[in-house]
Structure formats: C-alpha cells, structure tokens
Amino acid sequence: MADGQTLVSGNILVSGNVSFAPIASDTYKVTGELNKYSSSVWVEDSKGNIVSEKIVAKVY
C-alpha cells in the first residue's frame, strides 16, 4: 500500500486552529484523511470520537 505522498504529486498542506475541551484522564490524537480532492485533519479522543472541527484544504 502506498503512503499519501506517493499518491499525489507535490506537498499537501493543511493549516488552521482547533479548540476543544480536553479531559485530563483521556488521551487525544490528531488524525486525518487524504484523497485526490481534499486533505483534512481533526482531533479524536481515545474512543475515536471527533472532538474538534475538521480543518480541510482543497486539492486543485
């Protein structure tokens, strides 16, 4: 399986600010998806719930 950089030519940049109310006993990760139309990132809690808004960059 190819990684995201192999699937597209050039670099994909997603930039933005997110805010959420973290709970001290939980863990969080930044995750996202890449396809030929857009690239997006967001924050998920340890149960996989999205706890921030998605930051989306369109790929042209």
C-alpha atoms as a PDB file:
ATOM      1  CA  MET A   1       0.000   0.000   0.000  1.00  0.00           C
ATOM      2  CA  ALA A   2       1.359   3.419  -0.932  1.00  0.00           C
ATOM      3  CA  ASP A   3       1.655   6.261   1.534  1.00  0.00           C
ATOM      4  CA  GLY A   4      -0.131   9.597   0.994  1.00  0.00           C
ATOM      5  CA  GLN A   5       2.873  11.359  -0.541  1.00  0.00           C
ATOM      6  CA  THR A   6       3.212   8.655  -3.178  1.00  0.00           C
ATOM      7  CA  LEU A   7      -0.427   9.071  -4.227  1.00  0.00           C
ATOM      8  CA  VAL A   8      -0.136  12.783  -5.020  1.00  0.00           C
ATOM      9  CA  SER A   9       2.448  14.909  -6.726  1.00  0.00           C
ATOM     10  CA  GLY A  10       3.762  17.710  -4.530  1.00  0.00           C
ATOM     11  CA  ASN A  11       3.143  18.558  -0.904  1.00  0.00           C
ATOM     12  CA  ILE A  12      -0.258  18.857   0.714  1.00  0.00           C
ATOM     13  CA  LEU A  13      -0.534  21.474   3.458  1.00  0.00           C
ATOM     14  CA  VAL A  14      -3.385  21.686   5.944  1.00  0.00           C
ATOM     15  CA  SER A  15      -3.244  24.615   8.312  1.00  0.00           C
ATOM     16  CA  GLY A  16      -5.649  26.008  10.878  1.00  0.00           C
ATOM     17  CA  ASN A  17      -6.582  26.318  14.527  1.00  0.00           C
ATOM     18  CA  VAL A  18      -8.766  23.954  16.503  1.00  0.00           C
ATOM     19  CA  SER A  19     -10.094  24.231  20.007  1.00  0.00           C
ATOM     20  CA  PHE A  20     -11.610  21.583  22.251  1.00  0.00           C
ATOM     21  CA  ALA A  21     -12.040  20.938  25.979  1.00  0.00           C
ATOM     22  CA  PRO A  22      -9.620  18.126  26.869  1.00  0.00           C
ATOM     23  CA  ILE A  23     -10.350  15.866  29.830  1.00  0.00           C
ATOM     24  CA  ALA A  24      -7.246  15.229  31.950  1.00  0.00           C
ATOM     25  CA  SER A  25      -7.806  11.449  32.164  1.00  0.00           C
ATOM     26  CA  ASP A  26      -8.263  10.971  28.400  1.00  0.00           C
ATOM     27  CA  THR A  27      -5.792  10.858  25.503  1.00  0.00           C
ATOM     28  CA  TYR A  28      -6.124  12.556  22.130  1.00  0.00           C
ATOM     29  CA  LYS A  29      -4.648  12.190  18.666  1.00  0.00           C
ATOM     30  CA  VAL A  30      -4.527  14.279  15.532  1.00  0.00           C
ATOM     31  CA  THR A  31      -5.778  12.257  12.604  1.00  0.00           C
ATOM     32  CA  GLY A  32      -6.988  12.946   9.096  1.00  0.00           C
ATOM     33  CA  GLU A  33      -7.579  11.784   5.575  1.00  0.00           C
ATOM     34  CA  LEU A  34      -6.117  12.451   2.177  1.00  0.00           C
ATOM     35  CA  ASN A  35      -7.826  11.937  -1.154  1.00  0.00           C
ATOM     36  CA  LYS A  36      -7.480  13.431  -4.608  1.00  0.00           C
ATOM     37  CA  TYR A  37      -9.912  16.277  -3.828  1.00  0.00           C
ATOM     38  CA  SER A  38      -9.019  17.382  -0.296  1.00  0.00           C
ATOM     39  CA  SER A  39      -6.828  16.867   2.725  1.00  0.00           C
ATOM     40  CA  SER A  40      -8.216  17.222   6.248  1.00  0.00           C
ATOM     41  CA  VAL A  41      -7.178  16.866   9.883  1.00  0.00           C
ATOM     42  CA  TRP A  42      -9.027  16.790  13.211  1.00  0.00           C
ATOM     43  CA  VAL A  43      -8.606  15.723  16.847  1.00  0.00           C
ATOM     44  CA  GLU A  44     -10.087  12.471  18.199  1.00  0.00           C
ATOM     45  CA  ASP A  45     -10.404  11.211  21.772  1.00  0.00           C
ATOM     46  CA  SER A  46      -9.356   7.714  22.879  1.00  0.00           C
ATOM     47  CA  LYS A  47     -12.761   6.303  21.828  1.00  0.00           C
ATOM     48  CA  GLY A  48     -12.462   7.658  18.276  1.00  0.00           C
ATOM     49  CA  ASN A  49     -14.954  10.492  18.770  1.00  0.00           C
ATOM     50  CA  ILE A  50     -14.136  13.668  16.846  1.00  0.00           C
ATOM     51  CA  VAL A  51     -13.707  16.424  19.458  1.00  0.00           C
ATOM     52  CA  SER A  52     -12.701  19.337  17.211  1.00  0.00           C
ATOM     53  CA  GLU A  53     -13.816  20.814  13.962  1.00  0.00           C
ATOM     54  CA  LYS A  54     -12.230  19.447  10.790  1.00  0.00           C
ATOM     55  CA  ILE A  55      -9.653  21.598   9.017  1.00  0.00           C
ATOM     56  CA  VAL A  56      -9.991  20.986   5.269  1.00  0.00           C
ATOM     57  CA  ALA A  57      -7.718  22.014   2.397  1.00  0.00           C
ATOM     58  CA  LYS A  58      -8.946  21.560  -1.169  1.00  0.00           C
ATOM     59  CA  VAL A  59      -6.522  19.929  -3.598  1.00  0.00           C
ATOM     60  CA  TYR A  60      -6.503  21.544  -7.035  1.00  0.00           C
END
